[in-house]
Amino acid sequence: MNSSWIKSYEYDSATGNLDIETLAGNQITYGDVPESVGNAMAEADSKGEFHNTELRGQYDYVSN
């Protein structure tokens, strides 16, 4: 995956959690993400842009 700040991501359709690992080693978990959004992230050309427009401010998250 080619991203300036996202190292990897994983969507779990059973829980609705979308987990993102950043290149800096941080973990972000968005909760209650619909499967359609998880699938759309997989198809997005830019994962960072998708995050900024479709996830940030739209879903609750925890970060560590």
PDB file of N, CA and C in Angstrom:
ATOM      1  N   MET A   1       0.849  -1.172   0.000  1.00  0.00           N
ATOM      2  CA  MET A   1       0.000   0.000   0.000  1.00  0.00           C
ATOM      3  C   MET A   1       0.893   1.232   0.000  1.00  0.00           C
ATOM      4  N   ASN A   2       0.536   2.181  -0.823  1.00  0.00           N
ATOM      5  CA  ASN A   2       1.305   3.408  -0.939  1.00  0.00           C
ATOM      6  C   ASN A   2       0.552   4.534  -0.238  1.00  0.00           C
ATOM      7  N   SER A   3       1.050   4.938   0.919  1.00  0.00           N
ATOM      8  CA  SER A   3       0.436   6.026   1.671  1.00  0.00           C
ATOM      9  C   SER A   3       1.521   6.786   2.408  1.00  0.00           C
ATOM     10  N   SER A   4       1.325   8.078   2.560  1.00  0.00           N
ATOM     11  CA  SER A   4       2.324   8.890   3.253  1.00  0.00           C
ATOM     12  C   SER A   4       2.222   8.762   4.771  1.00  0.00           C
ATOM     13  N   TRP A   5       1.125   8.175   5.285  1.00  0.00           N
ATOM     14  CA  TRP A   5       1.034   8.042   6.740  1.00  0.00           C
ATOM     15  C   TRP A   5       0.334   6.782   7.218  1.00  0.00           C
ATOM     16  N   ILE A   6      -0.360   6.049   6.354  1.00  0.00           N
ATOM     17  CA  ILE A   6      -1.018   4.804   6.759  1.00  0.00           C
ATOM     18  C   ILE A   6      -0.131   3.626   6.360  1.00  0.00           C
ATOM     19  N   LYS A   7       0.257   2.842   7.355  1.00  0.00           N
ATOM     20  CA  LYS A   7       1.075   1.658   7.099  1.00  0.00           C
ATOM     21  C   LYS A   7       0.192   0.493   6.670  1.00  0.00           C
ATOM     22  N   SER A   8      -0.917   0.293   7.403  1.00  0.00           N
ATOM     23  CA  SER A   8      -1.835  -0.793   7.077  1.00  0.00           C
ATOM     24  C   SER A   8      -3.198  -0.493   7.680  1.00  0.00           C
ATOM     25  N   TYR A   9      -4.182  -1.251   7.236  1.00  0.00           N
ATOM     26  CA  TYR A   9      -5.521  -1.134   7.805  1.00  0.00           C
ATOM     27  C   TYR A   9      -6.208  -2.485   7.674  1.00  0.00           C
ATOM     28  N   GLU A  10      -7.220  -2.681   8.505  1.00  0.00           N
ATOM     29  CA  GLU A  10      -7.996  -3.921   8.457  1.00  0.00           C
ATOM     30  C   GLU A  10      -9.421  -3.604   8.883  1.00  0.00           C
ATOM     31  N   TYR A  11     -10.363  -4.131   8.139  1.00  0.00           N
ATOM     32  CA  TYR A  11     -11.765  -3.949   8.479  1.00  0.00           C
ATOM     33  C   TYR A  11     -12.340  -5.289   8.910  1.00  0.00           C
ATOM     34  N   ASP A  12     -13.056  -5.309  10.033  1.00  0.00           N
ATOM     35  CA  ASP A  12     -13.701  -6.514  10.553  1.00  0.00           C
ATOM     36  C   ASP A  12     -15.203  -6.332  10.434  1.00  0.00           C
ATOM     37  N   SER A  13     -15.810  -7.019   9.477  1.00  0.00           N
ATOM     38  CA  SER A  13     -17.246  -6.856   9.246  1.00  0.00           C
ATOM     39  C   SER A  13     -18.086  -7.399  10.394  1.00  0.00           C
ATOM     40  N   ALA A  14     -17.548  -8.325  11.183  1.00  0.00           N
ATOM     41  CA  ALA A  14     -18.296  -8.881  12.314  1.00  0.00           C
ATOM     42  C   ALA A  14     -18.468  -7.858  13.436  1.00  0.00           C
ATOM     43  N   THR A  15     -17.458  -7.006  13.636  1.00  0.00           N
ATOM     44  CA  THR A  15     -17.521  -6.025  14.722  1.00  0.00           C
ATOM     45  C   THR A  15     -17.784  -4.605  14.226  1.00  0.00           C
ATOM     46  N   GLY A  16     -17.518  -4.354  12.938  1.00  0.00           N
ATOM     47  CA  GLY A  16     -17.638  -2.999  12.397  1.00  0.00           C
ATOM     48  C   GLY A  16     -16.443  -2.128  12.724  1.00  0.00           C
ATOM     49  N   ASN A  17     -15.371  -2.744  13.211  1.00  0.00           N
ATOM     50  CA  ASN A  17     -14.166  -1.983  13.541  1.00  0.00           C
ATOM     51  C   ASN A  17     -13.261  -1.867  12.328  1.00  0.00           C
ATOM     52  N   LEU A  18     -12.748  -0.673  12.110  1.00  0.00           N
ATOM     53  CA  LEU A  18     -11.755  -0.428  11.082  1.00  0.00           C
ATOM     54  C   LEU A  18     -10.493   0.034  11.796  1.00  0.00           C
ATOM     55  N   ASP A  19      -9.461  -0.797  11.749  1.00  0.00           N
ATOM     56  CA  ASP A  19      -8.204  -0.533  12.436  1.00  0.00           C
ATOM     57  C   ASP A  19      -7.187   0.012  11.451  1.00  0.00           C
ATOM     58  N   ILE A  20      -6.514   1.083  11.836  1.00  0.00           N
ATOM     59  CA  ILE A  20      -5.471   1.695  11.027  1.00  0.00           C
ATOM     60  C   ILE A  20      -4.195   1.731  11.843  1.00  0.00           C
ATOM     61  N   GLU A  21      -3.090   1.306  11.220  1.00  0.00           N
ATOM     62  CA  GLU A  21      -1.768   1.456  11.816  1.00  0.00           C
ATOM     63  C   GLU A  21      -1.029   2.505  11.001  1.00  0.00           C
ATOM     64  N   THR A  22      -0.494   3.513  11.685  1.00  0.00           N
ATOM     65  CA  THR A  22       0.215   4.579  10.983  1.00  0.00           C
ATOM     66  C   THR A  22       1.698   4.219  10.852  1.00  0.00           C
ATOM     67  N   LEU A  23       2.366   4.911   9.965  1.00  0.00           N
ATOM     68  CA  LEU A  23       3.801   4.704   9.804  1.00  0.00           C
ATOM     69  C   LEU A  23       4.565   5.069  11.068  1.00  0.00           C
ATOM     70  N   ALA A  24       3.998   5.947  11.888  1.00  0.00           N
ATOM     71  CA  ALA A  24       4.623   6.339  13.156  1.00  0.00           C
ATOM     72  C   ALA A  24       4.399   5.301  14.255  1.00  0.00           C
ATOM     73  N   GLY A  25       3.607   4.260  13.961  1.00  0.00           N
ATOM     74  CA  GLY A  25       3.366   3.200  14.936  1.00  0.00           C
ATOM     75  C   GLY A  25       2.121   3.383  15.776  1.00  0.00           C
ATOM     76  N   ASN A  26       1.320   4.390  15.496  1.00  0.00           N
ATOM     77  CA  ASN A  26       0.070   4.600  16.231  1.00  0.00           C
ATOM     78  C   ASN A  26      -1.020   3.684  15.693  1.00  0.00           C
ATOM     79  N   GLN A  27      -1.959   3.357  16.553  1.00  0.00           N
ATOM     80  CA  GLN A  27      -3.109   2.545  16.190  1.00  0.00           C
ATOM     81  C   GLN A  27      -4.370   3.388  16.355  1.00  0.00           C
ATOM     82  N   ILE A  28      -5.235   3.365  15.355  1.00  0.00           N
ATOM     83  CA  ILE A  28      -6.520   4.054  15.425  1.00  0.00           C
ATOM     84  C   ILE A  28      -7.590   3.023  15.098  1.00  0.00           C
ATOM     85  N   THR A  29      -8.609   2.935  15.943  1.00  0.00           N
ATOM     86  CA  THR A  29      -9.718   2.024  15.684  1.00  0.00           C
ATOM     87  C   THR A  29     -11.004   2.820  15.611  1.00  0.00           C
ATOM     88  N   TYR A  30     -11.633   2.794  14.448  1.00  0.00           N
ATOM     89  CA  TYR A  30     -12.947   3.396  14.246  1.00  0.00           C
ATOM     90  C   TYR A  30     -13.990   2.320  14.483  1.00  0.00           C
ATOM     91  N   GLY A  31     -15.046   2.669  15.224  1.00  0.00           N
ATOM     92  CA  GLY A  31     -16.089   1.704  15.542  1.00  0.00           C
ATOM     93  C   GLY A  31     -17.375   1.968  14.788  1.00  0.00           C
ATOM     94  N   ASP A  32     -18.184   0.928  14.673  1.00  0.00           N
ATOM     95  CA  ASP A  32     -19.503   0.999  14.023  1.00  0.00           C
ATOM     96  C   ASP A  32     -19.415   1.495  12.581  1.00  0.00           C
ATOM     97  N   VAL A  33     -18.377   1.067  11.875  1.00  0.00           N
ATOM     98  CA  VAL A  33     -18.200   1.443  10.477  1.00  0.00           C
ATOM     99  C   VAL A  33     -18.989   0.456   9.619  1.00  0.00           C
ATOM    100  N   PRO A  34     -19.893   0.926   8.781  1.00  0.00           N
ATOM    101  CA  PRO A  34     -20.659   0.021   7.923  1.00  0.00           C
ATOM    102  C   PRO A  34     -19.743  -0.735   6.951  1.00  0.00           C
ATOM    103  N   GLU A  35     -20.161  -1.921   6.595  1.00  0.00           N
ATOM    104  CA  GLU A  35     -19.375  -2.745   5.679  1.00  0.00           C
ATOM    105  C   GLU A  35     -19.135  -2.033   4.346  1.00  0.00           C
ATOM    106  N   SER A  36     -20.121  -1.263   3.902  1.00  0.00           N
ATOM    107  CA  SER A  36     -19.952  -0.546   2.632  1.00  0.00           C
ATOM    108  C   SER A  36     -18.790   0.444   2.700  1.00  0.00           C
ATOM    109  N   VAL A  37     -18.582   1.054   3.865  1.00  0.00           N
ATOM    110  CA  VAL A  37     -17.476   1.996   4.041  1.00  0.00           C
ATOM    111  C   VAL A  37     -16.151   1.238   4.122  1.00  0.00           C
ATOM    112  N   GLY A  38     -16.139   0.114   4.817  1.00  0.00           N
ATOM    113  CA  GLY A  38     -14.939  -0.718   4.865  1.00  0.00           C
ATOM    114  C   GLY A  38     -14.528  -1.175   3.477  1.00  0.00           C
ATOM    115  N   ASN A  39     -15.508  -1.574   2.675  1.00  0.00           N
ATOM    116  CA  ASN A  39     -15.225  -1.997   1.301  1.00  0.00           C
ATOM    117  C   ASN A  39     -14.754  -0.823   0.450  1.00  0.00           C
ATOM    118  N   ALA A  40     -15.339   0.345   0.669  1.00  0.00           N
ATOM    119  CA  ALA A  40     -14.947   1.526  -0.098  1.00  0.00           C
ATOM    120  C   ALA A  40     -13.501   1.909   0.208  1.00  0.00           C
ATOM    121  N   MET A  41     -13.066   1.734   1.452  1.00  0.00           N
ATOM    122  CA  MET A  41     -11.668   2.046   1.768  1.00  0.00           C
ATOM    123  C   MET A  41     -10.743   1.107   1.013  1.00  0.00           C
ATOM    124  N   ALA A  42     -11.132  -0.148   0.923  1.00  0.00           N
ATOM    125  CA  ALA A  42     -10.310  -1.120   0.187  1.00  0.00           C
ATOM    126  C   ALA A  42     -10.159  -0.714  -1.272  1.00  0.00           C
ATOM    127  N   GLU A  43     -11.174  -0.098  -1.826  1.00  0.00           N
ATOM    128  CA  GLU A  43     -11.171   0.290  -3.235  1.00  0.00           C
ATOM    129  C   GLU A  43     -10.566   1.677  -3.483  1.00  0.00           C
ATOM    130  N   ALA A  44     -10.393   2.452  -2.427  1.00  0.00           N
ATOM    131  CA  ALA A  44      -9.911   3.834  -2.575  1.00  0.00           C
ATOM    132  C   ALA A  44      -8.478   3.875  -3.090  1.00  0.00           C
ATOM    133  N   ASP A  45      -8.228   4.750  -4.040  1.00  0.00           N
ATOM    134  CA  ASP A  45      -6.872   4.931  -4.561  1.00  0.00           C
ATOM    135  C   ASP A  45      -5.959   5.537  -3.508  1.00  0.00           C
ATOM    136  N   SER A  46      -6.484   6.483  -2.735  1.00  0.00           N
ATOM    137  CA  SER A  46      -5.711   7.123  -1.681  1.00  0.00           C
ATOM    138  C   SER A  46      -6.365   6.809  -0.339  1.00  0.00           C
ATOM    139  N   LYS A  47      -5.706   5.976   0.452  1.00  0.00           N
ATOM    140  CA  LYS A  47      -6.257   5.598   1.763  1.00  0.00           C
ATOM    141  C   LYS A  47      -6.295   6.805   2.696  1.00  0.00           C
ATOM    142  N   GLY A  48      -5.271   7.649   2.637  1.00  0.00           N
ATOM    143  CA  GLY A  48      -5.240   8.835   3.488  1.00  0.00           C
ATOM    144  C   GLY A  48      -6.344   9.816   3.157  1.00  0.00           C
ATOM    145  N   GLU A  49      -6.571  10.043   1.869  1.00  0.00           N
ATOM    146  CA  GLU A  49      -7.656  10.935   1.455  1.00  0.00           C
ATOM    147  C   GLU A  49      -9.009  10.362   1.855  1.00  0.00           C
ATOM    148  N   PHE A  50      -9.171   9.050   1.699  1.00  0.00           N
ATOM    149  CA  PHE A  50     -10.418   8.411   2.106  1.00  0.00           C
ATOM    150  C   PHE A  50     -10.622   8.604   3.606  1.00  0.00           C
ATOM    151  N   HIS A  51      -9.581   8.384   4.380  1.00  0.00           N
ATOM    152  CA  HIS A  51      -9.669   8.584   5.826  1.00  0.00           C
ATOM    153  C   HIS A  51     -10.140   9.999   6.143  1.00  0.00           C
ATOM    154  N   ASN A  52      -9.512  10.970   5.501  1.00  0.00           N
ATOM    155  CA  ASN A  52      -9.823  12.367   5.810  1.00  0.00           C
ATOM    156  C   ASN A  52     -11.237  12.767   5.411  1.00  0.00           C
ATOM    157  N   THR A  53     -11.758  12.206   4.337  1.00  0.00           N
ATOM    158  CA  THR A  53     -13.078  12.617   3.856  1.00  0.00           C
ATOM    159  C   THR A  53     -14.220  11.726   4.342  1.00  0.00           C
ATOM    160  N   GLU A  54     -13.939  10.460   4.597  1.00  0.00           N
ATOM    161  CA  GLU A  54     -15.023   9.521   4.909  1.00  0.00           C
ATOM    162  C   GLU A  54     -15.028   8.994   6.342  1.00  0.00           C
ATOM    163  N   LEU A  55     -13.910   9.060   7.041  1.00  0.00           N
ATOM    164  CA  LEU A  55     -13.841   8.520   8.401  1.00  0.00           C
ATOM    165  C   LEU A  55     -13.706   9.606   9.456  1.00  0.00           C
ATOM    166  N   ARG A  56     -12.742  10.500   9.273  1.00  0.00           N
ATOM    167  CA  ARG A  56     -12.478  11.541  10.265  1.00  0.00           C
ATOM    168  C   ARG A  56     -13.734  12.374  10.488  1.00  0.00           C
ATOM    169  N   GLY A  57     -14.145  12.458  11.754  1.00  0.00           N
ATOM    170  CA  GLY A  57     -15.304  13.258  12.116  1.00  0.00           C
ATOM    171  C   GLY A  57     -16.633  12.569  11.869  1.00  0.00           C
ATOM    172  N   GLN A  58     -16.610  11.391  11.262  1.00  0.00           N
ATOM    173  CA  GLN A  58     -17.849  10.669  10.956  1.00  0.00           C
ATOM    174  C   GLN A  58     -18.122   9.525  11.940  1.00  0.00           C
ATOM    175  N   TYR A  59     -17.058   8.958  12.496  1.00  0.00           N
ATOM    176  CA  TYR A  59     -17.183   7.774  13.360  1.00  0.00           C
ATOM    177  C   TYR A  59     -16.377   7.978  14.627  1.00  0.00           C
ATOM    178  N   ASP A  60     -16.849   7.383  15.717  1.00  0.00           N
ATOM    179  CA  ASP A  60     -16.097   7.420  16.962  1.00  0.00           C
ATOM    180  C   ASP A  60     -14.837   6.572  16.795  1.00  0.00           C
ATOM    181  N   TYR A  61     -13.784   6.962  17.497  1.00  0.00           N
ATOM    182  CA  TYR A  61     -12.543   6.209  17.392  1.00  0.00           C
ATOM    183  C   TYR A  61     -11.797   6.223  18.721  1.00  0.00           C
ATOM    184  N   VAL A  62     -10.889   5.287  18.854  1.00  0.00           N
ATOM    185  CA  VAL A  62      -9.918   5.267  19.950  1.00  0.00           C
ATOM    186  C   VAL A  62      -8.543   5.203  19.304  1.00  0.00           C
ATOM    187  N   SER A  63      -7.589   5.832  19.956  1.00  0.00           N
ATOM    188  CA  SER A  63      -6.231   5.881  19.431  1.00  0.00           C
ATOM    189  C   SER A  63      -5.263   5.549  20.542  1.00  0.00           C
ATOM    190  N   ASN A  64      -4.224   4.841  20.195  1.00  0.00           N
ATOM    191  CA  ASN A  64      -3.176   4.542  21.195  1.00  0.00           C
ATOM    192  C   ASN A  64      -1.822   4.561  20.546  1.00  0.00           C
TER     193      ASN A  64
END
